[in-house]
Amino acid sequence: MPQTAIFGPMLATIFLTLVVCVYMYVRRISFIQKTSLTPEQLSVPGALAELSPPEVSNSSDNFKNRSRSRSSSMRWLCICWPRTRSMRAT
């Protein structure tokens, strides 16, 4: 398998992440504009999650959970990958 085969799935993941970010911000910005929330109301961390209905805040909660699990998976990969390469060399 060529080494460039990883670029397809990697670019697809990056594209999907960007699509989810745009979707999230479109939902949030439209909600903020419809309800006329002020910057002072949103200055407290977690205020938007409390004020917004579940259909606005659920996508961001799921996105945070996925990014946390992805980063922990990458940590394990970085820890284990050098060990498996040295085991294959022997």
Protein backbone atom coordinates (compact mmCIF):
# COMPACT_ATOMS: atom_id res chain seq x y z
CA MET A 1 0.00 0.00 0.00
CA PRO A 2 1.45 3.41 -0.89
CA GLN A 3 2.26 5.79 1.94
CA THR A 4 -0.01 8.46 0.45
CA ALA A 5 -3.10 6.29 1.08
CA ILE A 6 -3.55 7.96 4.47
CA PHE A 7 -4.23 11.37 2.93
CA GLY A 8 -7.75 10.50 1.72
CA PRO A 9 -9.19 9.56 5.14
CA MET A 10 -7.24 12.36 6.82
CA LEU A 11 -8.60 15.03 4.46
CA ALA A 12 -12.11 13.58 4.75
CA THR A 13 -11.90 13.85 8.56
CA ILE A 14 -10.66 17.43 8.35
CA PHE A 15 -13.46 18.31 5.92
CA LEU A 16 -16.11 16.68 8.10
CA THR A 17 -14.78 18.56 11.16
CA LEU A 18 -15.05 21.87 9.28
CA VAL A 19 -18.60 21.05 8.17
CA VAL A 20 -19.63 20.29 11.76
CA CYS A 21 -18.01 23.54 13.00
CA VAL A 22 -19.84 25.62 10.39
CA TYR A 23 -23.13 23.86 11.19
CA MET A 24 -22.63 24.46 14.90
CA TYR A 25 -21.89 28.15 14.52
CA VAL A 26 -24.76 28.73 12.07
CA ARG A 27 -27.18 27.20 14.58
CA ARG A 28 -25.73 29.19 17.48
CA ILE A 29 -25.54 32.53 15.68
CA SER A 30 -29.09 32.22 14.38
CA PHE A 31 -30.31 31.39 17.91
CA ILE A 32 -28.45 34.36 19.40
CA GLN A 33 -29.86 36.72 16.76
CA LYS A 34 -33.43 35.45 17.19
CA THR A 35 -33.40 35.80 20.98
CA SER A 36 -31.43 39.09 21.02
CA LEU A 37 -28.96 37.90 23.65
CA THR A 38 -26.41 40.48 24.76
CA PRO A 39 -22.66 39.90 25.11
CA GLU A 40 -23.04 40.38 28.87
CA GLN A 41 -25.47 37.46 29.04
CA LEU A 42 -23.04 35.25 27.15
CA SER A 43 -19.90 36.32 29.00
CA VAL A 44 -20.37 33.67 31.69
CA PRO A 45 -18.94 30.28 30.64
CA GLY A 46 -21.75 27.82 30.00
CA ALA A 47 -24.42 30.52 29.73
CA LEU A 48 -25.27 29.70 26.13
CA ALA A 49 -25.76 26.03 27.02
CA GLU A 50 -28.17 27.00 29.79
CA LEU A 51 -30.13 29.49 27.67
CA SER A 52 -30.30 27.54 24.43
CA PRO A 53 -32.64 24.64 23.64
CA PRO A 54 -31.11 21.14 23.29
CA GLU A 55 -31.17 21.19 19.48
CA VAL A 56 -28.76 24.15 19.54
CA SER A 57 -26.35 22.92 22.20
CA ASN A 58 -26.34 19.13 21.59
CA SER A 59 -24.17 19.27 18.49
CA SER A 60 -21.43 21.14 20.34
CA ASP A 61 -21.57 18.70 23.25
CA ASN A 62 -21.14 15.76 20.89
CA PHE A 63 -18.35 17.56 19.06
CA LYS A 64 -16.45 18.17 22.33
CA ASN A 65 -16.77 14.51 23.30
CA ARG A 66 -15.48 13.34 19.93
CA SER A 67 -12.49 15.65 19.98
CA ARG A 68 -11.58 14.50 23.50
CA SER A 69 -11.74 10.83 22.52
CA ARG A 70 -9.74 11.55 19.35
CA SER A 71 -6.99 13.30 21.29
CA SER A 72 -6.75 10.48 23.82
CA SER A 73 -6.59 7.96 20.96
CA MET A 74 -3.78 9.97 19.38
CA ARG A 75 -1.91 10.00 22.71
CA TRP A 76 -2.07 6.21 22.90
CA LEU A 77 -0.99 5.92 19.30
CA CYS A 78 2.04 8.16 19.94
CA ILE A 79 2.97 6.10 22.99
CA CYS A 80 2.52 2.68 21.39
CA TRP A 81 3.69 3.28 17.82
CA PRO A 82 7.45 3.53 18.52
CA ARG A 83 7.28 0.32 20.59
CA THR A 84 5.60 -1.67 17.85
CA ARG A 85 8.07 -0.41 15.25
CA SER A 86 11.00 -1.54 17.37
CA MET A 87 9.34 -4.94 17.90
CA ARG A 88 8.92 -5.38 14.13
CA ALA A 89 12.56 -4.55 13.49
CA THR A 90 13.77 -7.50 15.57
